[in-house]
Amino acid sequence: DNSIHGFEQLITWAERHMKQHNKTHVIFGAEPTGHYWLNLAYYLKAKGLDIVLVNPMHVKKSKELDDNSPTKNDTKDAKVIAQLVKDGRYSVPNLLDGVYAELREGIKIRDQLIQQMMTIEGRIQNVIQRYFPEFFDVFGDWKGKAALCTLRTFPFPADIKEKTPEDIVSTWRKVVQRGVRLKRAQQLVNLAGLSLREHSSGKHKGQTRINKRGRKRLRKALYLAIRPLVAHHPTFKTLHLYYTQRPERPLKKQQSLIGLCCKLIRVLFAIGRKQCAFDGKNC
């Protein structure tokens, strides 16, 4: 009985036999098949009693030594386990407590979930390749936004034949636009690591720098894009001259480029959200 009542009965039974045979110490042995032994092991450990484990393979190979029979039942298994414990053929389990036990359990569950996800992904790819073999000629990954939209809206080639190319592109465009989670351009600035941070303490005021806590590739792409814009585009060229030559608090050239990177993010965000052309007068 894998419950507190069953555990108490086990201890009472063991104590009775210890008195009958004039023994002062008992070792509990178990075969670690499944998870049923864990509760008993933690219970016995909390009571200050010893519990050891025997290898299930040793139990399987040793059960025919006495009667030369492959018969398997609980009574015979208990006798074989007791014999292995008596001979010292056991191991002491490492029963963790507190955060270490939680970490071990968390890692085990994570590994199980990853294995299940791999199995499910394999089944999905199997179904796609069976019923829509051309799918992976268009999409490299079935988990992309447009790919998932295709599988939901027209999962079979026969469904696509009923659609026009314009209908398909229109469906993809709606899904991609709907998937944009950023509601403000400042979120993109933060994502690129271009938001400002200041080191100050008491009367000391340190320099203000970008925090660089973001995607460095996005930050690099913006910087590489803003340099030719400052050199050749009239709007950004005018802004750069204003930032570096304004009467009050003029910026250094590098500071101006960083500020214009943020301006470029806001411009691109507005163009993408409003679906409009660039207008330098509004900058």
Protein backbone atom coordinates (compact mmCIF):
# COMPACT_ATOMS: atom_id res chain seq x y z
CA ASP A 1 0.00 0.00 0.00
CA ASN A 2 1.77 3.13 -1.24
CA SER A 3 0.36 5.40 1.50
CA ILE A 4 1.21 6.56 5.01
CA HIS A 5 -0.94 3.75 6.43
CA GLY A 6 0.99 1.15 4.45
CA PHE A 7 4.35 2.65 5.46
CA GLU A 8 3.42 2.55 9.14
CA GLN A 9 2.35 -1.08 8.80
CA LEU A 10 5.73 -1.88 7.22
CA ILE A 11 7.65 -0.32 10.12
CA THR A 12 5.45 -2.12 12.66
CA TRP A 13 6.03 -5.42 10.85
CA ALA A 14 9.81 -4.83 10.76
CA GLU A 15 9.97 -3.91 14.45
CA ARG A 16 8.03 -7.04 15.39
CA HIS A 17 10.48 -9.26 13.51
CA MET A 18 13.46 -7.42 15.00
CA LYS A 19 12.20 -8.26 18.51
CA GLN A 20 11.52 -11.88 17.59
CA HIS A 21 15.06 -12.37 16.26
CA ASN A 22 16.80 -10.11 18.78
CA LYS A 23 18.06 -7.59 16.20
CA THR A 24 18.83 -3.90 16.72
CA HIS A 25 19.19 -2.67 13.16
CA VAL A 26 17.26 -3.21 9.93
CA ILE A 27 17.99 -2.32 6.30
CA PHE A 28 15.07 -1.91 3.94
CA GLY A 29 15.73 -3.04 0.37
CA ALA A 30 13.75 -2.08 -2.74
CA GLU A 31 13.84 -2.64 -6.48
CA PRO A 32 13.62 0.83 -8.13
CA THR A 33 11.10 0.05 -10.87
CA GLY A 34 8.86 3.00 -11.62
CA HIS A 35 8.29 5.73 -9.06
CA TYR A 36 6.57 3.85 -6.26
CA TRP A 37 9.74 3.40 -4.20
CA LEU A 38 10.39 7.16 -3.90
CA ASN A 39 7.68 7.97 -1.35
CA LEU A 40 8.72 5.02 0.80
CA ALA A 41 12.38 6.01 0.56
CA TYR A 42 11.73 9.59 1.69
CA TYR A 43 9.46 8.35 4.48
CA LEU A 44 12.08 5.93 5.82
CA LYS A 45 14.78 8.58 5.53
CA ALA A 46 12.64 11.00 7.56
CA LYS A 47 12.30 8.27 10.21
CA GLY A 48 16.08 7.80 10.33
CA LEU A 49 15.93 4.30 8.80
CA ASP A 50 18.22 2.90 6.10
CA ILE A 51 16.98 2.03 2.64
CA VAL A 52 19.05 0.57 -0.21
CA LEU A 53 18.33 -0.27 -3.83
CA VAL A 54 19.13 -3.38 -5.83
CA ASN A 55 19.61 -3.44 -9.58
CA PRO A 56 16.47 -4.77 -11.37
CA MET A 57 18.74 -6.66 -13.79
CA HIS A 58 20.38 -8.46 -10.84
CA VAL A 59 16.94 -9.43 -9.54
CA LYS A 60 15.95 -10.80 -12.94
CA LYS A 61 19.13 -12.85 -13.33
CA SER A 62 19.18 -14.12 -9.73
CA LYS A 63 15.61 -15.35 -9.40
CA GLU A 64 16.35 -18.75 -11.01
CA LEU A 65 19.30 -19.64 -8.74
CA ASP A 66 17.23 -21.33 -6.00
CA ASP A 67 14.44 -23.12 -7.89
CA ASN A 68 15.74 -23.07 -11.50
CA SER A 69 12.39 -21.62 -12.57
CA PRO A 70 11.61 -18.37 -14.40
CA THR A 71 8.44 -17.96 -12.33
CA LYS A 72 7.87 -14.37 -11.19
CA ASN A 73 5.70 -13.27 -8.26
CA ASP A 74 5.89 -10.75 -5.41
CA THR A 75 6.90 -13.31 -2.77
CA LYS A 76 9.77 -14.67 -4.87
CA ASP A 77 10.95 -11.17 -5.84
CA ALA A 78 10.99 -10.11 -2.17
CA LYS A 79 13.11 -13.14 -1.27
CA VAL A 80 15.58 -12.45 -4.11
CA ILE A 81 15.86 -8.76 -3.12
CA ALA A 82 16.49 -9.70 0.52
CA GLN A 83 19.21 -12.16 -0.54
CA LEU A 84 20.95 -9.49 -2.65
CA VAL A 85 20.81 -7.02 0.23
CA LYS A 86 22.24 -9.65 2.61
CA ASP A 87 25.12 -10.27 0.20
CA GLY A 88 25.85 -6.52 -0.02
CA ARG A 89 24.86 -6.25 -3.68
CA TYR A 90 23.04 -2.93 -3.38
CA SER A 91 23.51 0.81 -3.76
CA VAL A 92 22.53 3.65 -1.44
CA PRO A 93 20.17 6.13 -3.13
CA ASN A 94 21.03 9.83 -3.15
CA LEU A 95 17.78 11.36 -1.88
CA LEU A 96 17.98 15.11 -2.35
CA ASP A 97 16.05 17.66 -0.30
CA GLY A 98 14.83 21.20 -0.85
CA VAL A 99 15.91 23.15 -3.90
CA TYR A 100 18.25 20.38 -5.11
CA ALA A 101 15.37 17.92 -5.29
CA GLU A 102 13.28 20.51 -7.14
CA LEU A 103 16.12 21.13 -9.61
CA ARG A 104 16.52 17.41 -10.29
CA GLU A 105 12.77 17.00 -10.81
CA GLY A 106 12.61 20.11 -12.99
CA ILE A 107 15.44 18.87 -15.23
CA LYS A 108 13.79 15.46 -15.55
CA ILE A 109 10.43 16.99 -16.52
CA ARG A 110 12.15 19.35 -18.98
CA ASP A 111 13.93 16.46 -20.67
CA GLN A 112 10.63 14.56 -20.91
CA LEU A 113 8.87 17.58 -22.43
CA ILE A 114 11.67 18.08 -24.97
CA GLN A 115 11.43 14.42 -25.97
CA GLN A 116 7.66 14.70 -26.33
CA MET A 117 8.01 17.87 -28.43
CA MET A 118 10.51 16.16 -30.72
CA THR A 119 8.10 13.26 -31.15
CA ILE A 120 5.19 15.59 -31.93
CA GLU A 121 7.26 17.65 -34.38
CA GLY A 122 8.31 14.46 -36.15
CA ARG A 123 4.67 13.40 -36.48
CA ILE A 124 3.70 16.81 -37.86
CA GLN A 125 6.46 16.71 -40.47
CA ASN A 126 5.43 13.16 -41.36
CA VAL A 127 1.83 14.25 -41.99
CA ILE A 128 2.91 17.32 -43.99
CA GLN A 129 5.23 15.30 -46.22
CA ARG A 130 2.51 12.72 -46.82
CA TYR A 131 -0.37 15.05 -47.67
CA PHE A 132 1.41 18.25 -48.79
CA PRO A 133 4.85 17.24 -50.17
CA GLU A 134 5.38 20.61 -51.89
CA PHE A 135 5.04 22.49 -48.59
CA PHE A 136 8.73 22.40 -47.69
CA ASP A 137 9.68 23.64 -51.17
CA VAL A 138 8.10 26.96 -50.15
CA PHE A 139 8.68 27.05 -46.39
CA GLY A 140 11.92 26.04 -44.72
CA ASP A 141 10.29 25.79 -41.30
CA TRP A 142 6.68 24.81 -40.67
CA LYS A 143 6.64 26.83 -37.41
CA GLY A 144 6.88 30.24 -39.11
CA LYS A 145 3.92 32.64 -39.11
CA ALA A 146 3.10 32.30 -42.80
CA ALA A 147 3.66 28.53 -42.70
CA LEU A 148 1.31 28.05 -39.75
CA CYS A 149 -1.23 30.32 -41.43
CA THR A 150 -1.05 28.11 -44.53
CA LEU A 151 -1.57 24.93 -42.51
CA ARG A 152 -4.56 26.43 -40.70
CA THR A 153 -6.25 28.11 -43.68
CA PHE A 154 -5.50 25.80 -46.61
CA PRO A 155 -3.70 22.67 -45.33
CA PHE A 156 -4.08 20.62 -48.56
CA PRO A 157 -3.06 21.33 -52.16
CA ALA A 158 -6.72 21.02 -53.18
CA ASP A 159 -7.54 23.97 -50.90
CA ILE A 160 -4.86 26.12 -52.52
CA LYS A 161 -6.16 25.33 -56.03
CA GLU A 162 -9.40 27.04 -55.07
CA LYS A 163 -7.56 30.24 -54.11
CA THR A 164 -6.01 32.91 -56.31
CA PRO A 165 -2.41 34.03 -55.67
CA GLU A 166 -3.76 37.39 -54.52
CA ASP A 167 -6.00 35.73 -51.90
CA ILE A 168 -3.09 33.69 -50.54
CA VAL A 169 -0.75 36.69 -50.31
CA SER A 170 -3.50 38.76 -48.68
CA THR A 171 -4.05 36.05 -46.03
CA TRP A 172 -0.33 35.85 -45.29
CA ARG A 173 -0.04 39.63 -45.02
CA LYS A 174 -2.86 39.88 -42.49
CA VAL A 175 -1.31 37.22 -40.28
CA VAL A 176 2.17 38.75 -40.39
CA GLN A 177 0.84 42.21 -39.55
CA ARG A 178 -1.33 40.79 -36.76
CA GLY A 179 1.71 39.05 -35.29
CA VAL A 180 3.53 42.32 -34.64
CA ARG A 181 3.38 42.75 -30.87
CA LEU A 182 5.23 46.03 -30.58
CA LYS A 183 2.82 48.88 -29.88
CA ARG A 184 5.36 51.70 -29.59
CA ALA A 185 8.57 52.53 -31.40
CA GLN A 186 10.32 52.90 -28.04
CA GLN A 187 9.96 49.15 -27.57
CA LEU A 188 12.05 48.66 -30.70
CA VAL A 189 14.61 51.13 -29.37
CA ASN A 190 14.84 49.09 -26.17
CA LEU A 191 15.02 45.88 -28.20
CA ALA A 192 18.04 47.23 -30.06
CA GLY A 193 19.74 48.23 -26.79
CA LEU A 194 19.76 51.92 -27.70
CA SER A 195 17.97 53.23 -24.62
CA LEU A 196 20.09 55.48 -22.41
CA ARG A 197 21.54 54.76 -18.99
CA GLU A 198 23.27 57.09 -16.56
CA HIS A 199 25.82 56.45 -13.81
CA SER A 200 25.29 59.01 -11.06
CA SER A 201 25.91 58.96 -7.35
CA GLY A 202 25.28 61.87 -4.99
CA LYS A 203 26.75 65.02 -6.48
CA HIS A 204 28.67 63.08 -9.08
CA LYS A 205 26.95 62.87 -12.44
CA GLY A 206 28.43 60.28 -14.75
CA GLN A 207 28.26 59.97 -18.50
CA THR A 208 25.09 58.92 -20.25
CA ARG A 209 25.55 55.94 -22.55
CA ILE A 210 23.40 53.43 -24.38
CA ASN A 211 22.78 50.31 -22.29
CA LYS A 212 23.48 47.80 -25.11
CA ARG A 213 21.00 45.41 -23.48
CA GLY A 214 19.42 44.24 -26.68
CA ARG A 215 20.07 42.59 -30.01
CA LYS A 216 23.52 43.59 -31.17
CA ARG A 217 22.85 42.53 -34.77
CA LEU A 218 19.85 44.86 -34.94
CA ARG A 219 21.97 47.64 -33.42
CA LYS A 220 24.73 46.99 -35.96
CA ALA A 221 22.27 46.96 -38.88
CA LEU A 222 20.83 50.31 -37.79
CA TYR A 223 24.29 51.84 -37.45
CA LEU A 224 25.36 50.59 -40.89
CA ALA A 225 22.15 51.97 -42.36
CA ILE A 226 22.32 55.41 -40.76
CA ARG A 227 25.86 56.23 -41.93
CA PRO A 228 25.08 56.40 -45.68
CA LEU A 229 21.77 58.13 -44.89
CA VAL A 230 23.63 60.88 -43.03
CA ALA A 231 26.06 61.24 -45.93
CA HIS A 232 23.56 61.24 -48.82
CA HIS A 233 19.94 61.62 -47.68
CA PRO A 234 18.99 65.32 -47.34
CA THR A 235 16.62 64.85 -44.39
CA PHE A 236 19.02 62.82 -42.23
CA LYS A 237 21.95 64.96 -43.34
CA THR A 238 20.12 68.09 -42.13
CA LEU A 239 19.22 66.44 -38.84
CA HIS A 240 22.83 65.36 -38.29
CA LEU A 241 24.09 68.91 -38.88
CA TYR A 242 21.46 70.29 -36.51
CA TYR A 243 22.30 67.84 -33.73
CA THR A 244 26.03 68.54 -33.95
CA GLN A 245 25.89 72.32 -34.47
CA ARG A 246 22.87 73.47 -32.44
CA PRO A 247 23.59 76.33 -30.02
CA GLU A 248 22.44 74.52 -26.87
CA ARG A 249 23.96 71.18 -25.89
CA PRO A 250 25.34 70.14 -29.29
CA LEU A 251 26.03 66.43 -29.67
CA LYS A 252 29.22 64.75 -30.70
CA LYS A 253 29.14 63.04 -34.09
CA GLN A 254 28.89 59.58 -32.57
CA GLN A 255 26.11 60.69 -30.23
CA SER A 256 24.25 62.19 -33.16
CA LEU A 257 24.51 58.92 -35.11
CA ILE A 258 23.07 56.99 -32.16
CA GLY A 259 20.22 59.48 -31.87
CA LEU A 260 19.53 59.17 -35.58
CA CYS A 261 19.45 55.38 -35.25
CA CYS A 262 16.57 55.84 -32.82
CA LYS A 263 14.97 58.29 -35.26
CA LEU A 264 15.32 55.70 -38.05
CA ILE A 265 13.55 53.11 -35.90
CA ARG A 266 10.63 55.50 -35.34
CA VAL A 267 10.45 56.32 -39.05
CA LEU A 268 10.44 52.67 -40.10
CA PHE A 269 7.92 51.82 -37.38
CA ALA A 270 5.55 54.56 -38.61
CA ILE A 271 5.94 53.50 -42.25
CA GLY A 272 5.21 49.88 -41.41
CA ARG A 273 2.27 50.66 -39.16
CA LYS A 274 0.59 53.30 -41.31
CA GLN A 275 1.58 51.72 -44.65
CA CYS A 276 2.61 55.11 -46.00
CA ALA A 277 5.55 56.57 -47.90
CA PHE A 278 8.41 58.40 -46.21
CA ASP A 279 7.86 62.14 -45.79
CA GLY A 280 10.90 64.10 -44.65
CA LYS A 281 8.79 67.09 -43.63
CA ASN A 282 7.38 65.17 -40.66
CA CYS A 283 10.78 64.23 -39.22
